[in-house]
Amino acid sequence: RHHFLLKFSQGLAWTRQKMNAKHFAILCCILFAAPAVFGGMTLTKKSVIPVKENLGGKADFCNICVQIMGQIINELLNIILNIGVVGSCGTLCSMLPNKYEADACDLICDYVGIEEFIKLIEYEDPDPIFFCDEAKICPVTNNGSAIANGAWVTPTSGPAGTKFAISFNYTVTSYTSTGGPNVVVVPPSGMPFGGSEFDEGEAPGSYIVTFSLDSTPSEQEPFSPGQYQVETALCAGDCSGRHKWSGVYCNATTAFTITQ
């Protein structure tokens, strides 16, 4: 396991490595800290039932909270570190350069309260989903569970430029927390890339998620010939396990090949 992480940190190929849930969590932690979605990867099919009625929270506001905090949490942290004690939500949020973000910040801060708002921002390694979970804006549960039924790629091989469909089938057995499905693609050489879909939790049932990957070569990813390992997962929070209500519920591995 240590050897696996060492290889990642050195940017070496992972094509022969099998990722378990913990490996996937660590990979997501590094990969999505600075999101890079190459090759036109988009989610094209998904059926999700929000679970706000079952888990509480204000799920209608959850998505907005996560999006806004994802944009401003680092700016706010810098403001707090540079300015020091801030007396009100209006004072703190007005220091953001974007008026829309400042207004949204003020709304969230007023709901949470200035002291708790600052406390959550100053939390070690703050994460937008964790922030909104702790603020009781997003629904959470300690008993979420899911089973992976499999993952596959269609077609299984093709030349660079092929549009691949990456599908992940899983069954939620107990209501999940805010998080969502994730996919990571590991090229035969170079750095992994991927994408994720945020949702506010899923009700028990079977789901199929399909990500569309355009393998047209680009500066970021040349899509050289070889086998590309694919790891899919359903996560709570940011997958990393670093925060409360964060981790991997289930994951499945597949692969596709770029031909000459």
C-alpha atoms as a PDB file:
ATOM      1  CA  ARG A   1       0.000   0.000   0.000  1.00  0.00           C
ATOM      2  CA  HIS A   2       2.842   2.385   0.827  1.00  0.00           C
ATOM      3  CA  HIS A   3       4.518   1.439  -2.469  1.00  0.00           C
ATOM      4  CA  PHE A   4       1.268   2.246  -4.291  1.00  0.00           C
ATOM      5  CA  LEU A   5       1.110   5.746  -2.798  1.00  0.00           C
ATOM      6  CA  LEU A   6       4.776   6.333  -3.459  1.00  0.00           C
ATOM      7  CA  LYS A   7       4.267   5.539  -7.127  1.00  0.00           C
ATOM      8  CA  PHE A   8       1.423   8.019  -7.336  1.00  0.00           C
ATOM      9  CA  SER A   9       3.393  10.779  -5.683  1.00  0.00           C
ATOM     10  CA  GLN A  10       6.166  10.231  -8.211  1.00  0.00           C
ATOM     11  CA  GLY A  11       3.695  10.419 -11.086  1.00  0.00           C
ATOM     12  CA  LEU A  12       4.366   6.867 -12.302  1.00  0.00           C
ATOM     13  CA  ALA A  13       1.937   4.699 -14.246  1.00  0.00           C
ATOM     14  CA  TRP A  14      -0.674   2.756 -12.302  1.00  0.00           C
ATOM     15  CA  THR A  15      -1.901   0.501 -15.064  1.00  0.00           C
ATOM     16  CA  ARG A  16      -1.058  -2.699 -13.200  1.00  0.00           C
ATOM     17  CA  GLN A  17      -2.197  -1.481  -9.799  1.00  0.00           C
ATOM     18  CA  LYS A  18      -5.584  -2.551  -8.381  1.00  0.00           C
ATOM     19  CA  MET A  19      -7.212   0.156  -6.320  1.00  0.00           C
ATOM     20  CA  ASN A  20      -9.258  -0.704  -3.271  1.00  0.00           C
ATOM     21  CA  ALA A  21     -11.603   1.777  -1.587  1.00  0.00           C
ATOM     22  CA  LYS A  22      -8.821   3.361   0.474  1.00  0.00           C
ATOM     23  CA  HIS A  23      -6.585   3.815  -2.561  1.00  0.00           C
ATOM     24  CA  PHE A  24      -9.457   5.428  -4.429  1.00  0.00           C
ATOM     25  CA  ALA A  25     -10.100   7.799  -1.533  1.00  0.00           C
ATOM     26  CA  ILE A  26      -6.484   8.913  -1.477  1.00  0.00           C
ATOM     27  CA  LEU A  27      -6.451   9.326  -5.257  1.00  0.00           C
ATOM     28  CA  CYS A  28      -9.607  11.465  -5.186  1.00  0.00           C
ATOM     29  CA  CYS A  29      -8.166  13.505  -2.339  1.00  0.00           C
ATOM     30  CA  ILE A  30      -5.147  14.457  -4.478  1.00  0.00           C
ATOM     31  CA  LEU A  31      -6.864  14.589  -7.850  1.00  0.00           C
ATOM     32  CA  PHE A  32      -9.899  16.709  -6.962  1.00  0.00           C
ATOM     33  CA  ALA A  33      -7.994  19.104  -4.716  1.00  0.00           C
ATOM     34  CA  ALA A  34      -7.263  20.884  -8.015  1.00  0.00           C
ATOM     35  CA  PRO A  35      -9.919  19.500 -10.365  1.00  0.00           C
ATOM     36  CA  ALA A  36      -8.711  18.682 -13.863  1.00  0.00           C
ATOM     37  CA  VAL A  37     -11.208  17.100 -16.204  1.00  0.00           C
ATOM     38  CA  PHE A  38      -9.575  16.236 -19.489  1.00  0.00           C
ATOM     39  CA  GLY A  39     -10.927  14.773 -22.684  1.00  0.00           C
ATOM     40  CA  GLY A  40     -14.404  16.262 -22.382  1.00  0.00           C
ATOM     41  CA  MET A  41     -15.557  13.925 -19.614  1.00  0.00           C
ATOM     42  CA  THR A  42     -19.182  14.618 -18.748  1.00  0.00           C
ATOM     43  CA  LEU A  43     -21.966  12.817 -16.968  1.00  0.00           C
ATOM     44  CA  THR A  44     -24.633  11.871 -19.494  1.00  0.00           C
ATOM     45  CA  LYS A  45     -27.074   9.660 -17.602  1.00  0.00           C
ATOM     46  CA  LYS A  46     -28.108   9.458 -14.000  1.00  0.00           C
ATOM     47  CA  SER A  47     -31.165   8.871 -11.870  1.00  0.00           C
ATOM     48  CA  VAL A  48     -30.945  10.220  -8.332  1.00  0.00           C
ATOM     49  CA  ILE A  49     -33.665  10.631  -5.729  1.00  0.00           C
ATOM     50  CA  PRO A  50     -32.787  13.373  -3.181  1.00  0.00           C
ATOM     51  CA  VAL A  51     -33.153  12.165   0.384  1.00  0.00           C
ATOM     52  CA  LYS A  52     -33.737  15.436   2.210  1.00  0.00           C
ATOM     53  CA  GLU A  53     -37.062  14.138   3.544  1.00  0.00           C
ATOM     54  CA  ASN A  54     -35.274  11.273   5.265  1.00  0.00           C
ATOM     55  CA  LEU A  55     -32.025  12.837   6.413  1.00  0.00           C
ATOM     56  CA  GLY A  56     -33.027  16.362   7.284  1.00  0.00           C
ATOM     57  CA  GLY A  57     -30.989  19.392   6.299  1.00  0.00           C
ATOM     58  CA  LYS A  58     -31.996  21.815   3.563  1.00  0.00           C
ATOM     59  CA  ALA A  59     -31.126  19.857   0.458  1.00  0.00           C
ATOM     60  CA  ASP A  60     -32.633  22.485  -1.895  1.00  0.00           C
ATOM     61  CA  PHE A  61     -29.965  24.874  -0.593  1.00  0.00           C
ATOM     62  CA  CYS A  62     -27.255  22.198  -0.325  1.00  0.00           C
ATOM     63  CA  ASN A  63     -26.103  22.285  -3.954  1.00  0.00           C
ATOM     64  CA  ILE A  64     -25.881  26.083  -3.892  1.00  0.00           C
ATOM     65  CA  CYS A  65     -23.921  25.994  -0.632  1.00  0.00           C
ATOM     66  CA  VAL A  66     -21.367  23.508  -1.994  1.00  0.00           C
ATOM     67  CA  GLN A  67     -20.925  25.396  -5.273  1.00  0.00           C
ATOM     68  CA  ILE A  68     -20.506  28.774  -3.586  1.00  0.00           C
ATOM     69  CA  MET A  69     -18.197  27.554  -0.836  1.00  0.00           C
ATOM     70  CA  GLY A  70     -16.113  25.739  -3.433  1.00  0.00           C
ATOM     71  CA  GLN A  71     -15.504  29.095  -5.090  1.00  0.00           C
ATOM     72  CA  ILE A  72     -14.913  31.266  -2.036  1.00  0.00           C
ATOM     73  CA  ILE A  73     -13.660  29.128   0.853  1.00  0.00           C
ATOM     74  CA  ASN A  74      -9.963  29.731   0.115  1.00  0.00           C
ATOM     75  CA  GLU A  75     -10.527  33.460  -0.451  1.00  0.00           C
ATOM     76  CA  LEU A  76     -12.358  33.708   2.860  1.00  0.00           C
ATOM     77  CA  LEU A  77      -9.599  31.817   4.645  1.00  0.00           C
ATOM     78  CA  ASN A  78      -7.010  34.264   3.284  1.00  0.00           C
ATOM     79  CA  ILE A  79      -9.148  37.231   4.339  1.00  0.00           C
ATOM     80  CA  ILE A  80      -9.509  35.869   7.882  1.00  0.00           C
ATOM     81  CA  LEU A  81      -5.781  35.106   8.142  1.00  0.00           C
ATOM     82  CA  ASN A  82      -4.825  38.582   6.886  1.00  0.00           C
ATOM     83  CA  ILE A  83      -7.491  40.699   8.591  1.00  0.00           C
ATOM     84  CA  GLY A  84      -7.964  38.820  11.850  1.00  0.00           C
ATOM     85  CA  VAL A  85     -11.142  39.185  13.916  1.00  0.00           C
ATOM     86  CA  VAL A  86     -14.211  40.005  11.817  1.00  0.00           C
ATOM     87  CA  GLY A  87     -17.325  41.173  13.623  1.00  0.00           C
ATOM     88  CA  SER A  88     -20.130  40.345  11.232  1.00  0.00           C
ATOM     89  CA  CYS A  89     -21.100  38.313   8.190  1.00  0.00           C
ATOM     90  CA  GLY A  90     -21.596  41.466   6.159  1.00  0.00           C
ATOM     91  CA  THR A  91     -18.123  42.759   6.977  1.00  0.00           C
ATOM     92  CA  LEU A  92     -16.409  39.487   6.112  1.00  0.00           C
ATOM     93  CA  CYS A  93     -18.347  38.706   2.943  1.00  0.00           C
ATOM     94  CA  SER A  94     -18.137  42.254   1.593  1.00  0.00           C
ATOM     95  CA  MET A  95     -14.374  41.745   1.238  1.00  0.00           C
ATOM     96  CA  LEU A  96     -14.964  39.254  -1.562  1.00  0.00           C
ATOM     97  CA  PRO A  97     -14.380  40.918  -4.955  1.00  0.00           C
ATOM     98  CA  ASN A  98     -17.405  39.354  -6.670  1.00  0.00           C
ATOM     99  CA  LYS A  99     -20.775  40.849  -5.618  1.00  0.00           C
ATOM    100  CA  TYR A 100     -22.751  37.679  -6.402  1.00  0.00           C
ATOM    101  CA  GLU A 101     -20.348  35.606  -4.299  1.00  0.00           C
ATOM    102  CA  ALA A 102     -20.436  38.214  -1.519  1.00  0.00           C
ATOM    103  CA  ASP A 103     -24.244  38.137  -1.405  1.00  0.00           C
ATOM    104  CA  ALA A 104     -24.312  34.323  -1.357  1.00  0.00           C
ATOM    105  CA  CYS A 105     -21.604  34.274   1.318  1.00  0.00           C
ATOM    106  CA  ASP A 106     -23.660  36.656   3.464  1.00  0.00           C
ATOM    107  CA  LEU A 107     -26.741  34.447   3.103  1.00  0.00           C
ATOM    108  CA  ILE A 108     -24.884  31.285   4.147  1.00  0.00           C
ATOM    109  CA  CYS A 109     -23.037  33.055   6.953  1.00  0.00           C
ATOM    110  CA  ASP A 110     -26.250  34.519   8.371  1.00  0.00           C
ATOM    111  CA  TYR A 111     -27.802  31.055   8.390  1.00  0.00           C
ATOM    112  CA  VAL A 112     -24.800  29.466  10.137  1.00  0.00           C
ATOM    113  CA  GLY A 113     -23.796  32.379  12.383  1.00  0.00           C
ATOM    114  CA  ILE A 114     -20.535  34.313  12.116  1.00  0.00           C
ATOM    115  CA  GLU A 115     -18.633  32.382  14.813  1.00  0.00           C
ATOM    116  CA  GLU A 116     -19.485  28.940  13.441  1.00  0.00           C
ATOM    117  CA  PHE A 117     -18.933  30.191   9.882  1.00  0.00           C
ATOM    118  CA  ILE A 118     -15.371  31.287  10.664  1.00  0.00           C
ATOM    119  CA  LYS A 119     -14.717  28.122  12.691  1.00  0.00           C
ATOM    120  CA  LEU A 120     -15.660  25.923   9.724  1.00  0.00           C
ATOM    121  CA  ILE A 121     -13.578  27.966   7.280  1.00  0.00           C
ATOM    122  CA  GLU A 122     -10.544  27.745   9.581  1.00  0.00           C
ATOM    123  CA  TYR A 123     -10.958  23.968   9.940  1.00  0.00           C
ATOM    124  CA  GLU A 124      -7.807  22.131   8.875  1.00  0.00           C
ATOM    125  CA  ASP A 125      -7.976  21.392   5.154  1.00  0.00           C
ATOM    126  CA  PRO A 126     -11.497  22.819   4.682  1.00  0.00           C
ATOM    127  CA  ASP A 127     -13.733  21.166   2.096  1.00  0.00           C
ATOM    128  CA  PRO A 128     -16.953  22.675   0.660  1.00  0.00           C
ATOM    129  CA  ILE A 129     -19.073  19.552   1.194  1.00  0.00           C
ATOM    130  CA  PHE A 130     -17.784  19.096   4.738  1.00  0.00           C
ATOM    131  CA  PHE A 131     -18.516  22.772   5.431  1.00  0.00           C
ATOM    132  CA  CYS A 132     -22.112  22.451   4.239  1.00  0.00           C
ATOM    133  CA  ASP A 133     -22.551  19.123   6.052  1.00  0.00           C
ATOM    134  CA  GLU A 134     -21.340  20.592   9.344  1.00  0.00           C
ATOM    135  CA  ALA A 135     -23.470  23.688   8.808  1.00  0.00           C
ATOM    136  CA  LYS A 136     -26.513  21.373   8.605  1.00  0.00           C
ATOM    137  CA  ILE A 137     -27.295  22.656   5.136  1.00  0.00           C
ATOM    138  CA  CYS A 138     -26.591  19.330   3.411  1.00  0.00           C
ATOM    139  CA  PRO A 139     -28.199  16.018   4.489  1.00  0.00           C
ATOM    140  CA  VAL A 140     -25.928  13.424   6.105  1.00  0.00           C
ATOM    141  CA  THR A 141     -26.154   9.994   7.667  1.00  0.00           C
ATOM    142  CA  ASN A 142     -23.761   7.708   9.517  1.00  0.00           C
ATOM    143  CA  ASN A 143     -25.430   4.586   8.169  1.00  0.00           C
ATOM    144  CA  GLY A 144     -25.219   4.981   4.400  1.00  0.00           C
ATOM    145  CA  SER A 145     -24.231   1.913   2.399  1.00  0.00           C
ATOM    146  CA  ALA A 146     -24.049   0.732  -1.194  1.00  0.00           C
ATOM    147  CA  ILE A 147     -22.843  -2.272  -3.188  1.00  0.00           C
ATOM    148  CA  ALA A 148     -21.009  -2.064  -6.508  1.00  0.00           C
ATOM    149  CA  ASN A 149     -22.492  -4.323  -9.186  1.00  0.00           C
ATOM    150  CA  GLY A 150     -19.862  -3.614 -11.816  1.00  0.00           C
ATOM    151  CA  ALA A 151     -18.357  -1.121 -14.230  1.00  0.00           C
ATOM    152  CA  TRP A 152     -17.761  -1.312 -17.971  1.00  0.00           C
ATOM    153  CA  VAL A 153     -16.627   0.794 -20.927  1.00  0.00           C
ATOM    154  CA  THR A 154     -18.266   0.925 -24.361  1.00  0.00           C
ATOM    155  CA  PRO A 155     -16.534   0.360 -26.713  1.00  0.00           C
ATOM    156  CA  THR A 156     -13.736  -1.482 -24.961  1.00  0.00           C
ATOM    157  CA  SER A 157     -11.136  -0.219 -27.445  1.00  0.00           C
ATOM    158  CA  GLY A 158     -10.684   2.294 -30.231  1.00  0.00           C
ATOM    159  CA  PRO A 159      -8.255   4.830 -31.686  1.00  0.00           C
ATOM    160  CA  ALA A 160      -7.667   8.233 -30.123  1.00  0.00           C
ATOM    161  CA  GLY A 161     -10.704  10.385 -30.786  1.00  0.00           C
ATOM    162  CA  THR A 162     -13.158   7.642 -29.883  1.00  0.00           C
ATOM    163  CA  LYS A 163     -15.989   8.615 -27.551  1.00  0.00           C
ATOM    164  CA  PHE A 164     -16.073   6.092 -24.718  1.00  0.00           C
ATOM    165  CA  ALA A 165     -19.031   5.558 -22.394  1.00  0.00           C
ATOM    166  CA  ILE A 166     -17.911   4.661 -18.851  1.00  0.00           C
ATOM    167  CA  SER A 167     -20.764   3.082 -16.883  1.00  0.00           C
ATOM    168  CA  PHE A 168     -21.007   2.234 -13.203  1.00  0.00           C
ATOM    169  CA  ASN A 169     -23.826   0.147 -11.746  1.00  0.00           C
ATOM    170  CA  TYR A 170     -24.414   0.139  -8.000  1.00  0.00           C
ATOM    171  CA  THR A 171     -27.171  -0.553  -5.515  1.00  0.00           C
ATOM    172  CA  VAL A 172     -27.807   1.763  -2.576  1.00  0.00           C
ATOM    173  CA  THR A 173     -28.901  -0.364   0.375  1.00  0.00           C
ATOM    174  CA  SER A 174     -29.262   2.440   2.916  1.00  0.00           C
ATOM    175  CA  TYR A 175     -29.667   6.188   2.349  1.00  0.00           C
ATOM    176  CA  THR A 176     -26.344   7.842   1.518  1.00  0.00           C
ATOM    177  CA  SER A 177     -24.940  11.204   2.575  1.00  0.00           C
ATOM    178  CA  THR A 178     -24.207  14.155   0.338  1.00  0.00           C
ATOM    179  CA  GLY A 179     -21.496  13.188  -2.160  1.00  0.00           C
ATOM    180  CA  GLY A 180     -21.926  11.344  -5.438  1.00  0.00           C
ATOM    181  CA  PRO A 181     -20.394   9.101  -8.092  1.00  0.00           C
ATOM    182  CA  ASN A 182     -16.792   9.616  -9.196  1.00  0.00           C
ATOM    183  CA  VAL A 183     -14.627   8.267 -12.000  1.00  0.00           C
ATOM    184  CA  VAL A 184     -10.843   8.302 -12.283  1.00  0.00           C
ATOM    185  CA  VAL A 185      -8.971   7.299 -15.450  1.00  0.00           C
ATOM    186  CA  VAL A 186      -5.338   6.193 -15.130  1.00  0.00           C
ATOM    187  CA  PRO A 187      -3.388   6.438 -18.414  1.00  0.00           C
ATOM    188  CA  PRO A 188      -0.532   4.035 -19.268  1.00  0.00           C
ATOM    189  CA  SER A 189       1.735   7.022 -18.599  1.00  0.00           C
ATOM    190  CA  GLY A 190       1.134  10.461 -17.141  1.00  0.00           C
ATOM    191  CA  MET A 191      -1.193  11.662 -14.417  1.00  0.00           C
ATOM    192  CA  PRO A 192      -4.700  10.377 -13.646  1.00  0.00           C
ATOM    193  CA  PHE A 193      -7.715  12.490 -14.571  1.00  0.00           C
ATOM    194  CA  GLY A 194     -11.400  12.199 -13.894  1.00  0.00           C
ATOM    195  CA  GLY A 195     -14.723  13.694 -13.002  1.00  0.00           C
ATOM    196  CA  SER A 196     -17.485  13.572 -10.431  1.00  0.00           C
ATOM    197  CA  GLU A 197     -21.183  14.286 -10.071  1.00  0.00           C
ATOM    198  CA  PHE A 198     -22.457  15.994  -6.947  1.00  0.00           C
ATOM    199  CA  ASP A 199     -25.727  14.894  -5.411  1.00  0.00           C
ATOM    200  CA  GLU A 200     -27.497  15.372  -2.104  1.00  0.00           C
ATOM    201  CA  GLY A 201     -27.690  11.700  -1.217  1.00  0.00           C
ATOM    202  CA  GLU A 202     -29.411   8.720  -2.775  1.00  0.00           C
ATOM    203  CA  ALA A 203     -32.337   6.588  -1.705  1.00  0.00           C
ATOM    204  CA  PRO A 204     -32.166   2.769  -1.712  1.00  0.00           C
ATOM    205  CA  GLY A 205     -32.358   1.370  -5.229  1.00  0.00           C
ATOM    206  CA  SER A 206     -30.270   0.426  -8.249  1.00  0.00           C
ATOM    207  CA  TYR A 207     -28.459   3.115 -10.245  1.00  0.00           C
ATOM    208  CA  ILE A 208     -26.470   3.245 -13.460  1.00  0.00           C
ATOM    209  CA  VAL A 209     -24.179   6.234 -13.971  1.00  0.00           C
ATOM    210  CA  THR A 210     -22.649   6.844 -17.385  1.00  0.00           C
ATOM    211  CA  PHE A 211     -19.771   9.243 -17.996  1.00  0.00           C
ATOM    212  CA  SER A 212     -18.918  10.188 -21.582  1.00  0.00           C
ATOM    213  CA  LEU A 213     -15.213  10.477 -22.367  1.00  0.00           C
ATOM    214  CA  ASP A 214     -14.024  12.118 -25.582  1.00  0.00           C
ATOM    215  CA  SER A 215     -10.520  10.767 -26.218  1.00  0.00           C
ATOM    216  CA  THR A 216      -9.531  13.451 -28.706  1.00  0.00           C
ATOM    217  CA  PRO A 217      -5.865  14.265 -27.905  1.00  0.00           C
ATOM    218  CA  SER A 218      -5.152  17.541 -26.138  1.00  0.00           C
ATOM    219  CA  GLU A 219      -2.261  19.309 -24.426  1.00  0.00           C
ATOM    220  CA  GLN A 220      -3.285  17.868 -21.091  1.00  0.00           C
ATOM    221  CA  GLU A 221      -3.880  14.313 -22.293  1.00  0.00           C
ATOM    222  CA  PRO A 222      -2.433  12.975 -25.570  1.00  0.00           C
ATOM    223  CA  PHE A 223      -4.382   9.692 -25.299  1.00  0.00           C
ATOM    224  CA  SER A 224      -1.393   7.624 -26.318  1.00  0.00           C
ATOM    225  CA  PRO A 225      -1.931   3.965 -27.267  1.00  0.00           C
ATOM    226  CA  GLY A 226      -2.235   1.533 -24.366  1.00  0.00           C
ATOM    227  CA  GLN A 227      -4.587   0.334 -21.665  1.00  0.00           C
ATOM    228  CA  TYR A 228      -6.351   2.895 -19.476  1.00  0.00           C
ATOM    229  CA  GLN A 229      -7.450   1.713 -16.050  1.00  0.00           C
ATOM    230  CA  VAL A 230     -10.771   3.115 -14.853  1.00  0.00           C
ATOM    231  CA  GLU A 231     -11.916   3.305 -11.244  1.00  0.00           C
ATOM    232  CA  THR A 232     -15.508   4.232 -10.416  1.00  0.00           C
ATOM    233  CA  ALA A 233     -16.933   4.848  -6.969  1.00  0.00           C
ATOM    234  CA  LEU A 234     -19.888   6.155  -5.024  1.00  0.00           C
ATOM    235  CA  CYS A 235     -18.668   8.496  -2.320  1.00  0.00           C
ATOM    236  CA  ALA A 236     -19.786  10.383   0.730  1.00  0.00           C
ATOM    237  CA  GLY A 237     -18.329  13.884   0.801  1.00  0.00           C
ATOM    238  CA  ASP A 238     -15.111  14.251  -1.175  1.00  0.00           C
ATOM    239  CA  CYS A 239     -14.254  10.500  -1.008  1.00  0.00           C
ATOM    240  CA  SER A 240     -11.083  11.170   0.958  1.00  0.00           C
ATOM    241  CA  GLY A 241     -12.126  10.007   4.423  1.00  0.00           C
ATOM    242  CA  ARG A 242     -10.309  13.026   5.880  1.00  0.00           C
ATOM    243  CA  HIS A 243     -13.512  14.573   7.161  1.00  0.00           C
ATOM    244  CA  LYS A 244     -16.593  13.416   9.002  1.00  0.00           C
ATOM    245  CA  TRP A 245     -19.172  11.921   6.606  1.00  0.00           C
ATOM    246  CA  SER A 246     -16.519  11.391   3.930  1.00  0.00           C
ATOM    247  CA  GLY A 247     -15.410   8.129   2.367  1.00  0.00           C
ATOM    248  CA  VAL A 248     -16.053   5.521  -0.322  1.00  0.00           C
ATOM    249  CA  TYR A 249     -19.278   3.505  -0.140  1.00  0.00           C
ATOM    250  CA  CYS A 250     -18.363   1.156  -2.981  1.00  0.00           C
ATOM    251  CA  ASN A 251     -16.138   1.041  -6.046  1.00  0.00           C
ATOM    252  CA  ALA A 252     -15.578  -0.993  -9.218  1.00  0.00           C
ATOM    253  CA  THR A 253     -12.749  -1.197 -11.731  1.00  0.00           C
ATOM    254  CA  THR A 254     -12.752  -1.556 -15.500  1.00  0.00           C
ATOM    255  CA  ALA A 255     -10.501  -0.572 -18.430  1.00  0.00           C
ATOM    256  CA  PHE A 256     -10.402   0.444 -22.067  1.00  0.00           C
ATOM    257  CA  THR A 257      -7.671   0.474 -24.705  1.00  0.00           C
ATOM    258  CA  ILE A 258      -6.522   3.192 -27.083  1.00  0.00           C
ATOM    259  CA  THR A 259      -5.290   1.418 -30.207  1.00  0.00           C
ATOM    260  CA  GLN A 260      -2.601   2.562 -32.628  1.00  0.00           C
END
